[in-house]
Amino acid sequence: MSVEPSSTSERPEEGDQHDLVSGAEQAASADDIQHQASRIIDAVLDDTAPDHRQARELLRQQIAAHPGHPERALMEHLLALKASSGLDEGTPDAGGQIQPEFASGE
């Protein structure tokens, strides 16, 4: 009976350590995204422009629907705004009007 070497050269402890580091990096990245989303939400909610009142209310609804997950609330809010505007990706209006000087590639 032959014993073949393991397909990986690292010991189980080394693989576990790599997984722990990778998991910690992902958690830190998620925290950064949540922090950035929170700052964006705060800026939107701090806006006092009367014509943005409905957008602020819609954002508050998403925050209530996704407590503790500001990144999800912000994403859902942006998707809802996009859907309500009737704009689709890839249409000229999706990114605003095309400037004539840029349309020709000059």
N, C-alpha and C. Protein backbone atom coordinates (compact mmCIF):
# COMPACT_ATOMS: atom_id res chain seq x y z
N MET A 1 0.84 -1.17 0.00
CA MET A 1 0.00 0.00 0.00
C MET A 1 0.89 1.24 0.00
N SER A 2 0.60 2.17 -0.90
CA SER A 2 1.42 3.38 -0.96
C SER A 2 0.67 4.56 -0.38
N VAL A 3 1.43 5.43 0.18
CA VAL A 3 0.88 6.66 0.73
C VAL A 3 1.36 7.80 -0.14
N GLU A 4 0.41 8.49 -0.75
CA GLU A 4 0.79 9.59 -1.62
C GLU A 4 0.85 10.87 -0.80
N PRO A 5 1.78 11.73 -1.16
CA PRO A 5 1.86 13.01 -0.44
C PRO A 5 0.62 13.85 -0.70
N SER A 6 0.34 14.68 0.24
CA SER A 6 -0.80 15.58 0.11
C SER A 6 -0.63 16.48 -1.11
N SER A 7 -1.73 16.87 -1.71
CA SER A 7 -1.65 17.73 -2.90
C SER A 7 -1.20 19.14 -2.54
N THR A 8 -1.31 19.50 -1.28
CA THR A 8 -0.80 20.80 -0.85
C THR A 8 0.38 20.60 0.06
N SER A 9 1.33 21.47 -0.04
CA SER A 9 2.54 21.32 0.76
C SER A 9 2.43 21.99 2.13
N GLU A 10 1.39 22.80 2.32
CA GLU A 10 1.31 23.50 3.59
C GLU A 10 0.59 22.66 4.63
N ARG A 11 0.95 22.87 5.86
CA ARG A 11 0.31 22.17 6.95
C ARG A 11 -1.07 22.78 7.17
N PRO A 12 -1.99 22.04 7.77
CA PRO A 12 -3.34 22.59 8.00
C PRO A 12 -3.32 23.90 8.77
N GLU A 13 -2.40 24.02 9.72
CA GLU A 13 -2.35 25.25 10.50
C GLU A 13 -2.03 26.46 9.62
N GLU A 14 -1.16 26.26 8.63
CA GLU A 14 -0.79 27.37 7.74
C GLU A 14 -1.99 27.79 6.90
N GLY A 15 -2.74 26.83 6.40
CA GLY A 15 -3.93 27.15 5.61
C GLY A 15 -4.97 27.88 6.45
N ASP A 16 -5.14 27.43 7.70
CA ASP A 16 -6.08 28.10 8.60
C ASP A 16 -5.66 29.54 8.85
N GLN A 17 -4.38 29.76 9.03
CA GLN A 17 -3.86 31.11 9.27
C GLN A 17 -4.17 32.01 8.08
N HIS A 18 -3.98 31.49 6.86
CA HIS A 18 -4.26 32.27 5.65
C HIS A 18 -5.75 32.62 5.58
N ASP A 19 -6.60 31.66 5.93
CA ASP A 19 -8.04 31.91 5.93
C ASP A 19 -8.41 32.97 6.95
N LEU A 20 -7.76 32.95 8.10
CA LEU A 20 -8.04 33.96 9.12
C LEU A 20 -7.65 35.35 8.66
N VAL A 21 -6.49 35.45 8.02
CA VAL A 21 -6.03 36.75 7.51
C VAL A 21 -6.97 37.23 6.42
N SER A 22 -7.32 36.35 5.50
CA SER A 22 -8.23 36.71 4.42
C SER A 22 -9.58 37.16 4.98
N GLY A 23 -10.08 36.43 5.97
CA GLY A 23 -11.35 36.80 6.59
C GLY A 23 -11.28 38.14 7.29
N ALA A 24 -10.17 38.42 7.95
CA ALA A 24 -9.98 39.71 8.63
C ALA A 24 -9.93 40.85 7.62
N GLU A 25 -9.26 40.61 6.49
CA GLU A 25 -9.19 41.64 5.45
C GLU A 25 -10.57 41.91 4.87
N GLN A 26 -11.35 40.87 4.66
CA GLN A 26 -12.70 41.05 4.13
C GLN A 26 -13.57 41.80 5.12
N ALA A 27 -13.43 41.49 6.39
CA ALA A 27 -14.22 42.19 7.42
C ALA A 27 -13.84 43.66 7.47
N ALA A 28 -12.56 43.96 7.37
CA ALA A 28 -12.11 45.36 7.37
C ALA A 28 -12.64 46.08 6.15
N SER A 29 -12.64 45.42 5.01
CA SER A 29 -13.16 46.03 3.79
C SER A 29 -14.65 46.30 3.93
N ALA A 30 -15.39 45.35 4.50
CA ALA A 30 -16.83 45.54 4.71
C ALA A 30 -17.08 46.70 5.66
N ASP A 31 -16.26 46.81 6.70
CA ASP A 31 -16.40 47.93 7.63
C ASP A 31 -16.16 49.26 6.92
N ASP A 32 -15.16 49.30 6.03
CA ASP A 32 -14.88 50.51 5.27
C ASP A 32 -16.07 50.89 4.39
N ILE A 33 -16.66 49.90 3.74
CA ILE A 33 -17.80 50.16 2.87
C ILE A 33 -18.99 50.65 3.68
N GLN A 34 -19.22 50.04 4.84
CA GLN A 34 -20.31 50.48 5.70
C GLN A 34 -20.08 51.91 6.18
N HIS A 35 -18.84 52.22 6.52
CA HIS A 35 -18.52 53.58 6.97
C HIS A 35 -18.74 54.59 5.85
N GLN A 36 -18.30 54.26 4.64
CA GLN A 36 -18.48 55.16 3.51
C GLN A 36 -19.96 55.35 3.21
N ALA A 37 -20.72 54.26 3.24
CA ALA A 37 -22.16 54.35 2.98
C ALA A 37 -22.83 55.22 4.04
N SER A 38 -22.43 55.07 5.29
CA SER A 38 -22.99 55.88 6.38
C SER A 38 -22.71 57.36 6.16
N ARG A 39 -21.51 57.68 5.71
CA ARG A 39 -21.16 59.09 5.47
C ARG A 39 -21.98 59.67 4.32
N ILE A 40 -22.19 58.87 3.27
CA ILE A 40 -23.00 59.33 2.14
C ILE A 40 -24.44 59.54 2.60
N ILE A 41 -24.96 58.59 3.36
CA ILE A 41 -26.33 58.71 3.87
C ILE A 41 -26.47 59.96 4.73
N ASP A 42 -25.51 60.19 5.62
CA ASP A 42 -25.55 61.38 6.47
C ASP A 42 -25.58 62.65 5.63
N ALA A 43 -24.78 62.69 4.58
CA ALA A 43 -24.73 63.87 3.72
C ALA A 43 -26.07 64.09 3.02
N VAL A 44 -26.68 63.01 2.56
CA VAL A 44 -27.98 63.14 1.88
C VAL A 44 -29.03 63.61 2.88
N LEU A 45 -29.06 63.02 4.06
CA LEU A 45 -30.07 63.39 5.05
C LEU A 45 -29.85 64.78 5.61
N ASP A 46 -28.62 65.27 5.60
CA ASP A 46 -28.33 66.63 6.08
C ASP A 46 -28.71 67.70 5.06
N ASP A 47 -28.93 67.29 3.82
CA ASP A 47 -29.33 68.22 2.76
C ASP A 47 -30.70 68.80 3.11
N THR A 48 -30.85 70.09 2.97
CA THR A 48 -32.12 70.73 3.33
C THR A 48 -32.88 71.25 2.11
N ALA A 49 -32.40 70.95 0.93
CA ALA A 49 -33.08 71.43 -0.28
C ALA A 49 -34.49 70.86 -0.35
N PRO A 50 -35.49 71.72 -0.49
CA PRO A 50 -36.88 71.25 -0.53
C PRO A 50 -37.16 70.26 -1.66
N ASP A 51 -36.50 70.42 -2.80
CA ASP A 51 -36.76 69.52 -3.92
C ASP A 51 -36.14 68.14 -3.74
N HIS A 52 -35.36 67.94 -2.68
CA HIS A 52 -34.77 66.63 -2.38
C HIS A 52 -35.50 65.93 -1.23
N ARG A 53 -36.60 66.54 -0.78
CA ARG A 53 -37.34 66.00 0.36
C ARG A 53 -37.80 64.57 0.12
N GLN A 54 -38.34 64.28 -1.06
CA GLN A 54 -38.83 62.94 -1.35
C GLN A 54 -37.68 61.91 -1.36
N ALA A 55 -36.56 62.29 -1.93
CA ALA A 55 -35.41 61.38 -1.96
C ALA A 55 -34.95 61.07 -0.54
N ARG A 56 -34.95 62.08 0.33
CA ARG A 56 -34.55 61.84 1.73
C ARG A 56 -35.52 60.89 2.42
N GLU A 57 -36.81 61.06 2.15
CA GLU A 57 -37.81 60.18 2.76
C GLU A 57 -37.65 58.75 2.26
N LEU A 58 -37.40 58.58 0.98
CA LEU A 58 -37.18 57.25 0.43
C LEU A 58 -35.94 56.60 1.04
N LEU A 59 -34.90 57.39 1.25
CA LEU A 59 -33.69 56.87 1.88
C LEU A 59 -33.97 56.44 3.32
N ARG A 60 -34.74 57.24 4.04
CA ARG A 60 -35.10 56.87 5.42
C ARG A 60 -35.86 55.53 5.44
N GLN A 61 -36.72 55.31 4.47
CA GLN A 61 -37.45 54.05 4.39
C GLN A 61 -36.49 52.87 4.17
N GLN A 62 -35.48 53.07 3.32
CA GLN A 62 -34.51 52.00 3.08
C GLN A 62 -33.66 51.74 4.32
N ILE A 63 -33.34 52.79 5.05
CA ILE A 63 -32.57 52.62 6.29
C ILE A 63 -33.38 51.80 7.29
N ALA A 64 -34.68 52.09 7.38
CA ALA A 64 -35.56 51.34 8.29
C ALA A 64 -35.70 49.88 7.84
N ALA A 65 -35.69 49.66 6.54
CA ALA A 65 -35.84 48.30 6.00
C ALA A 65 -34.56 47.47 6.15
N HIS A 66 -33.42 48.14 6.30
CA HIS A 66 -32.12 47.44 6.38
C HIS A 66 -31.31 47.96 7.57
N PRO A 67 -31.85 47.78 8.80
CA PRO A 67 -31.13 48.30 9.97
C PRO A 67 -29.76 47.62 10.14
N GLY A 68 -28.76 48.44 10.42
CA GLY A 68 -27.41 47.91 10.63
C GLY A 68 -26.66 47.61 9.35
N HIS A 69 -27.27 47.88 8.21
CA HIS A 69 -26.63 47.63 6.91
C HIS A 69 -26.77 48.86 6.02
N PRO A 70 -26.03 49.92 6.33
CA PRO A 70 -26.16 51.15 5.55
C PRO A 70 -25.79 50.97 4.08
N GLU A 71 -24.85 50.07 3.79
CA GLU A 71 -24.45 49.84 2.40
C GLU A 71 -25.61 49.25 1.60
N ARG A 72 -26.37 48.37 2.21
CA ARG A 72 -27.53 47.77 1.55
C ARG A 72 -28.64 48.81 1.37
N ALA A 73 -28.87 49.61 2.40
CA ALA A 73 -29.89 50.66 2.33
C ALA A 73 -29.55 51.65 1.21
N LEU A 74 -28.30 52.05 1.13
CA LEU A 74 -27.89 53.00 0.10
C LEU A 74 -28.02 52.39 -1.28
N MET A 75 -27.60 51.14 -1.44
CA MET A 75 -27.71 50.48 -2.73
C MET A 75 -29.17 50.38 -3.17
N GLU A 76 -30.05 49.95 -2.28
CA GLU A 76 -31.46 49.83 -2.61
C GLU A 76 -32.06 51.20 -2.94
N HIS A 77 -31.63 52.22 -2.22
CA HIS A 77 -32.10 53.58 -2.48
C HIS A 77 -31.70 54.03 -3.88
N LEU A 78 -30.45 53.81 -4.23
CA LEU A 78 -29.97 54.22 -5.56
C LEU A 78 -30.68 53.43 -6.66
N LEU A 79 -30.90 52.14 -6.45
CA LEU A 79 -31.61 51.34 -7.44
C LEU A 79 -33.05 51.84 -7.60
N ALA A 80 -33.69 52.20 -6.49
CA ALA A 80 -35.06 52.71 -6.56
C ALA A 80 -35.11 54.05 -7.29
N LEU A 81 -34.14 54.91 -7.02
CA LEU A 81 -34.09 56.20 -7.71
C LEU A 81 -33.89 56.01 -9.21
N LYS A 82 -33.02 55.09 -9.57
CA LYS A 82 -32.77 54.81 -10.98
C LYS A 82 -34.02 54.28 -11.65
N ALA A 83 -34.71 53.35 -10.98
CA ALA A 83 -35.92 52.77 -11.55
C ALA A 83 -37.02 53.83 -11.69
N SER A 84 -37.12 54.71 -10.72
CA SER A 84 -38.17 55.73 -10.78
C SER A 84 -37.88 56.80 -11.83
N SER A 85 -36.61 56.94 -12.19
CA SER A 85 -36.27 57.94 -13.21
C SER A 85 -36.48 57.41 -14.62
N GLY A 86 -36.61 56.08 -14.74
CA GLY A 86 -36.84 55.47 -16.04
C GLY A 86 -35.59 55.38 -16.89
N LEU A 87 -34.43 55.58 -16.30
CA LEU A 87 -33.19 55.51 -17.06
C LEU A 87 -32.61 54.11 -17.00
N ASP A 88 -32.13 53.65 -18.12
CA ASP A 88 -31.47 52.36 -18.20
C ASP A 88 -30.00 52.57 -18.47
N GLU A 89 -29.20 51.60 -18.01
CA GLU A 89 -27.77 51.66 -18.31
C GLU A 89 -27.58 51.60 -19.81
N GLY A 90 -26.61 52.31 -20.30
CA GLY A 90 -26.27 52.25 -21.70
C GLY A 90 -27.00 53.27 -22.56
N THR A 91 -27.96 53.97 -21.98
CA THR A 91 -28.63 55.01 -22.75
C THR A 91 -27.88 56.31 -22.55
N PRO A 92 -27.90 57.18 -23.55
CA PRO A 92 -27.17 58.45 -23.39
C PRO A 92 -27.62 59.24 -22.18
N ASP A 93 -28.90 59.15 -21.80
CA ASP A 93 -29.41 59.93 -20.68
C ASP A 93 -28.96 59.38 -19.33
N ALA A 94 -28.49 58.14 -19.29
CA ALA A 94 -28.10 57.53 -18.01
C ALA A 94 -26.98 58.29 -17.33
N GLY A 95 -26.09 58.88 -18.08
CA GLY A 95 -24.99 59.62 -17.49
C GLY A 95 -25.12 61.11 -17.67
N GLY A 96 -26.27 61.56 -18.05
CA GLY A 96 -26.48 62.97 -18.32
C GLY A 96 -26.34 63.23 -19.81
N GLN A 97 -26.47 64.47 -20.16
CA GLN A 97 -26.37 64.81 -21.58
C GLN A 97 -24.94 64.66 -22.07
N ILE A 98 -24.82 64.25 -23.32
CA ILE A 98 -23.51 64.11 -23.94
C ILE A 98 -23.10 65.48 -24.47
N GLN A 99 -21.94 65.91 -24.06
CA GLN A 99 -21.44 67.20 -24.52
C GLN A 99 -20.99 67.07 -25.97
N PRO A 100 -21.39 67.99 -26.87
CA PRO A 100 -21.03 67.87 -28.28
C PRO A 100 -19.53 67.75 -28.51
N GLU A 101 -18.71 68.45 -27.74
CA GLU A 101 -17.26 68.41 -27.97
C GLU A 101 -16.67 67.05 -27.61
N PHE A 102 -17.36 66.29 -26.73
CA PHE A 102 -16.87 64.97 -26.36
C PHE A 102 -17.48 63.87 -27.21
N ALA A 103 -18.62 64.14 -27.82
CA ALA A 103 -19.29 63.12 -28.61
C ALA A 103 -18.49 62.72 -29.84
N SER A 104 -17.74 63.65 -30.40
CA SER A 104 -16.97 63.35 -31.60
C SER A 104 -15.62 62.74 -31.26
N GLY A 105 -15.28 62.64 -29.98
CA GLY A 105 -14.01 62.04 -29.58
C GLY A 105 -12.86 63.03 -29.63
N GLU A 106 -13.14 64.29 -29.81
CA GLU A 106 -12.08 65.29 -29.88
C GLU A 106 -11.67 65.78 -28.53
